[in-house]
Amino acid sequence: MRKSEDPCPAFPIPAGLNGRYIFRRRVHYRNLISRPLARALGTADPTVTCARAMILSARFTVVKANVDAMLEQGRALTGPEIAVLF
């Protein structure tokens, strides 16, 4: 597939084992913790991958906004709570 035919040019999604795709982001917590996050997308189809990546990206943004709001209210999150969120 040529770059111009990429069904999801906004999301650089690496292929994992056997051509399956993986969604990757890095979680930053108060500039102290930087933790990689990887989720298998369960498909080798680039079009399905794009749709799933967009959904996960939007969900990631919403969860991050909710966590930021909790922190502004003074609620401290523990490591296990952060891990469960993502």
N, C-alpha and C. Protein backbone atom coordinates (compact mmCIF):
# COMPACT_ATOMS: atom_id res chain seq x y z
N MET A 1 0.84 -1.17 0.00
CA MET A 1 0.00 0.00 0.00
C MET A 1 0.89 1.24 0.00
N ARG A 2 0.65 2.13 -0.94
CA ARG A 2 1.42 3.38 -0.99
C ARG A 2 0.93 4.33 0.08
N LYS A 3 1.77 5.26 0.46
CA LYS A 3 1.44 6.22 1.51
C LYS A 3 0.16 6.99 1.18
N SER A 4 -0.05 7.34 -0.09
CA SER A 4 -1.24 8.09 -0.48
C SER A 4 -2.51 7.26 -0.32
N GLU A 5 -2.39 5.93 -0.26
CA GLU A 5 -3.54 5.06 -0.10
C GLU A 5 -3.78 4.68 1.35
N ASP A 6 -3.00 5.23 2.25
CA ASP A 6 -3.13 4.92 3.67
C ASP A 6 -4.53 5.32 4.15
N PRO A 7 -5.34 4.39 4.67
CA PRO A 7 -6.70 4.71 5.09
C PRO A 7 -6.75 5.56 6.35
N CYS A 8 -5.64 5.69 7.01
CA CYS A 8 -5.63 6.43 8.27
C CYS A 8 -4.32 7.22 8.41
N PRO A 9 -4.11 8.22 7.58
CA PRO A 9 -2.83 8.92 7.59
C PRO A 9 -2.56 9.70 8.86
N ALA A 10 -3.59 10.05 9.62
CA ALA A 10 -3.40 10.84 10.84
C ALA A 10 -2.87 10.02 12.01
N PHE A 11 -2.98 8.70 11.92
CA PHE A 11 -2.55 7.82 12.99
C PHE A 11 -1.45 6.89 12.52
N PRO A 12 -0.21 7.16 12.90
CA PRO A 12 0.86 6.22 12.54
C PRO A 12 0.77 4.99 13.44
N ILE A 13 0.20 3.92 12.93
CA ILE A 13 -0.06 2.73 13.73
C ILE A 13 0.86 1.61 13.28
N PRO A 14 1.77 1.19 14.14
CA PRO A 14 2.69 0.12 13.73
C PRO A 14 2.02 -1.25 13.70
N ALA A 15 2.45 -2.06 12.78
CA ALA A 15 1.95 -3.44 12.71
C ALA A 15 2.76 -4.28 13.69
N GLY A 16 2.08 -5.15 14.39
CA GLY A 16 2.74 -6.03 15.35
C GLY A 16 2.95 -7.40 14.75
N LEU A 17 2.78 -8.43 15.56
CA LEU A 17 2.95 -9.81 15.11
C LEU A 17 1.91 -10.19 14.07
N ASN A 18 2.34 -10.90 13.08
CA ASN A 18 1.46 -11.43 12.04
C ASN A 18 0.63 -10.35 11.35
N GLY A 19 1.16 -9.14 11.27
CA GLY A 19 0.46 -8.07 10.58
C GLY A 19 -0.68 -7.46 11.36
N ARG A 20 -0.86 -7.83 12.60
CA ARG A 20 -1.90 -7.23 13.45
C ARG A 20 -1.43 -5.87 13.91
N TYR A 21 -2.35 -4.94 14.11
CA TYR A 21 -1.99 -3.59 14.48
C TYR A 21 -2.08 -3.36 15.98
N ILE A 22 -1.28 -2.39 16.44
CA ILE A 22 -1.20 -2.07 17.87
C ILE A 22 -1.37 -0.56 18.04
N PHE A 23 -2.22 -0.17 18.97
CA PHE A 23 -2.41 1.25 19.33
C PHE A 23 -1.43 1.57 20.45
N ARG A 24 -0.62 2.60 20.26
CA ARG A 24 0.38 2.96 21.27
C ARG A 24 0.26 4.43 21.63
N ARG A 25 0.33 4.70 22.93
CA ARG A 25 0.40 6.06 23.46
C ARG A 25 1.32 6.02 24.67
N ARG A 26 1.75 7.17 25.08
CA ARG A 26 2.56 7.29 26.30
C ARG A 26 1.76 8.11 27.30
N VAL A 27 1.61 7.58 28.51
CA VAL A 27 0.86 8.25 29.56
C VAL A 27 1.84 9.05 30.42
N HIS A 28 1.58 10.35 30.53
CA HIS A 28 2.42 11.21 31.37
C HIS A 28 1.60 11.59 32.60
N TYR A 29 2.18 11.44 33.75
CA TYR A 29 1.50 11.76 35.00
C TYR A 29 2.34 12.77 35.77
N ARG A 30 1.86 14.01 35.79
CA ARG A 30 2.51 15.10 36.52
C ARG A 30 4.00 15.22 36.18
N ASN A 31 4.34 14.94 34.96
CA ASN A 31 5.73 15.03 34.48
C ASN A 31 6.71 14.19 35.29
N LEU A 32 6.21 13.25 36.08
CA LEU A 32 7.07 12.38 36.88
C LEU A 32 7.10 10.97 36.33
N ILE A 33 5.95 10.50 35.88
CA ILE A 33 5.83 9.13 35.40
C ILE A 33 5.51 9.17 33.90
N SER A 34 6.25 8.46 33.13
CA SER A 34 5.98 8.35 31.71
C SER A 34 5.88 6.86 31.42
N ARG A 35 4.68 6.41 31.17
CA ARG A 35 4.43 4.97 31.03
C ARG A 35 3.89 4.66 29.65
N PRO A 36 4.50 3.72 28.93
CA PRO A 36 3.95 3.37 27.61
C PRO A 36 2.67 2.56 27.75
N LEU A 37 1.76 2.78 26.84
CA LEU A 37 0.49 2.07 26.80
C LEU A 37 0.35 1.46 25.42
N ALA A 38 0.13 0.17 25.35
CA ALA A 38 -0.05 -0.51 24.06
C ALA A 38 -1.27 -1.42 24.15
N ARG A 39 -2.12 -1.33 23.15
CA ARG A 39 -3.31 -2.18 23.09
C ARG A 39 -3.40 -2.80 21.70
N ALA A 40 -3.59 -4.11 21.65
CA ALA A 40 -3.78 -4.79 20.38
C ALA A 40 -5.13 -4.39 19.81
N LEU A 41 -5.16 -4.09 18.53
CA LEU A 41 -6.41 -3.69 17.89
C LEU A 41 -7.19 -4.88 17.35
N GLY A 42 -6.57 -6.07 17.37
CA GLY A 42 -7.28 -7.30 17.01
C GLY A 42 -7.66 -7.41 15.55
N THR A 43 -6.91 -6.75 14.67
CA THR A 43 -7.21 -6.84 13.25
C THR A 43 -5.95 -6.62 12.43
N ALA A 44 -5.98 -7.13 11.21
CA ALA A 44 -4.91 -6.88 10.26
C ALA A 44 -5.43 -6.01 9.11
N ASP A 45 -6.70 -5.61 9.19
CA ASP A 45 -7.33 -4.77 8.17
C ASP A 45 -7.04 -3.30 8.45
N PRO A 46 -6.38 -2.59 7.54
CA PRO A 46 -6.03 -1.19 7.79
C PRO A 46 -7.23 -0.27 8.00
N THR A 47 -8.35 -0.54 7.32
CA THR A 47 -9.53 0.30 7.48
C THR A 47 -10.15 0.13 8.87
N VAL A 48 -10.27 -1.10 9.32
CA VAL A 48 -10.79 -1.37 10.66
C VAL A 48 -9.83 -0.80 11.70
N THR A 49 -8.53 -0.94 11.45
CA THR A 49 -7.52 -0.40 12.35
C THR A 49 -7.71 1.09 12.54
N CYS A 50 -7.93 1.80 11.45
CA CYS A 50 -8.11 3.25 11.51
C CYS A 50 -9.31 3.61 12.38
N ALA A 51 -10.42 2.94 12.18
CA ALA A 51 -11.63 3.23 12.96
C ALA A 51 -11.39 2.96 14.44
N ARG A 52 -10.77 1.84 14.75
CA ARG A 52 -10.51 1.51 16.15
C ARG A 52 -9.51 2.47 16.79
N ALA A 53 -8.51 2.88 16.02
CA ALA A 53 -7.51 3.83 16.53
C ALA A 53 -8.15 5.18 16.82
N MET A 54 -9.07 5.62 15.97
CA MET A 54 -9.75 6.89 16.22
C MET A 54 -10.60 6.82 17.49
N ILE A 55 -11.28 5.71 17.69
CA ILE A 55 -12.10 5.52 18.89
C ILE A 55 -11.22 5.53 20.14
N LEU A 56 -10.12 4.78 20.11
CA LEU A 56 -9.22 4.73 21.25
C LEU A 56 -8.57 6.08 21.52
N SER A 57 -8.23 6.80 20.48
CA SER A 57 -7.62 8.11 20.64
C SER A 57 -8.60 9.08 21.30
N ALA A 58 -9.85 9.05 20.87
CA ALA A 58 -10.87 9.91 21.48
C ALA A 58 -11.10 9.51 22.94
N ARG A 59 -11.16 8.23 23.21
CA ARG A 59 -11.34 7.74 24.58
C ARG A 59 -10.17 8.16 25.46
N PHE A 60 -8.97 8.07 24.92
CA PHE A 60 -7.76 8.46 25.63
C PHE A 60 -7.84 9.94 26.02
N THR A 61 -8.30 10.79 25.10
CA THR A 61 -8.42 12.22 25.35
C THR A 61 -9.45 12.50 26.45
N VAL A 62 -10.57 11.80 26.42
CA VAL A 62 -11.62 11.99 27.44
C VAL A 62 -11.12 11.55 28.82
N VAL A 63 -10.49 10.39 28.89
CA VAL A 63 -9.99 9.89 30.17
C VAL A 63 -8.93 10.83 30.73
N LYS A 64 -8.05 11.32 29.87
CA LYS A 64 -7.00 12.24 30.31
C LYS A 64 -7.62 13.53 30.86
N ALA A 65 -8.63 14.04 30.20
CA ALA A 65 -9.31 15.25 30.68
C ALA A 65 -9.97 15.00 32.04
N ASN A 66 -10.58 13.84 32.22
CA ASN A 66 -11.21 13.50 33.50
C ASN A 66 -10.18 13.40 34.62
N VAL A 67 -9.04 12.79 34.31
CA VAL A 67 -7.97 12.66 35.31
C VAL A 67 -7.43 14.04 35.67
N ASP A 68 -7.23 14.89 34.67
CA ASP A 68 -6.75 16.25 34.93
C ASP A 68 -7.72 17.01 35.83
N ALA A 69 -9.02 16.84 35.58
CA ALA A 69 -10.04 17.50 36.40
C ALA A 69 -10.00 17.00 37.84
N MET A 70 -9.82 15.68 38.02
CA MET A 70 -9.72 15.11 39.38
C MET A 70 -8.51 15.68 40.11
N LEU A 71 -7.41 15.80 39.40
CA LEU A 71 -6.19 16.31 40.02
C LEU A 71 -6.34 17.78 40.40
N GLU A 72 -7.04 18.54 39.59
CA GLU A 72 -7.28 19.96 39.91
C GLU A 72 -8.14 20.11 41.16
N GLN A 73 -9.01 19.14 41.41
CA GLN A 73 -9.87 19.17 42.60
C GLN A 73 -9.13 18.68 43.84
N GLY A 74 -7.89 18.26 43.66
CA GLY A 74 -7.09 17.82 44.80
C GLY A 74 -7.17 16.34 45.09
N ARG A 75 -7.84 15.58 44.25
CA ARG A 75 -7.94 14.13 44.48
C ARG A 75 -6.66 13.46 43.98
N ALA A 76 -6.03 12.72 44.85
CA ALA A 76 -4.80 12.01 44.48
C ALA A 76 -5.15 10.63 43.92
N LEU A 77 -4.55 10.29 42.80
CA LEU A 77 -4.76 8.98 42.20
C LEU A 77 -3.58 8.08 42.51
N THR A 78 -3.89 6.84 42.81
CA THR A 78 -2.83 5.86 43.07
C THR A 78 -2.39 5.22 41.75
N GLY A 79 -1.26 4.57 41.77
CA GLY A 79 -0.76 3.89 40.58
C GLY A 79 -1.75 2.88 40.01
N PRO A 80 -2.34 2.00 40.85
CA PRO A 80 -3.31 1.05 40.33
C PRO A 80 -4.54 1.72 39.71
N GLU A 81 -4.98 2.85 40.29
CA GLU A 81 -6.13 3.57 39.73
C GLU A 81 -5.79 4.11 38.33
N ILE A 82 -4.59 4.60 38.18
CA ILE A 82 -4.17 5.12 36.87
C ILE A 82 -4.11 3.99 35.85
N ALA A 83 -3.56 2.85 36.26
CA ALA A 83 -3.45 1.71 35.36
C ALA A 83 -4.81 1.22 34.91
N VAL A 84 -5.80 1.22 35.80
CA VAL A 84 -7.15 0.76 35.47
C VAL A 84 -7.83 1.70 34.48
N LEU A 85 -7.55 2.99 34.58
CA LEU A 85 -8.16 3.96 33.68
C LEU A 85 -7.82 3.68 32.23
N PHE A 86 -6.63 3.21 31.98
CA PHE A 86 -6.19 3.00 30.61
C PHE A 86 -6.17 1.52 30.28
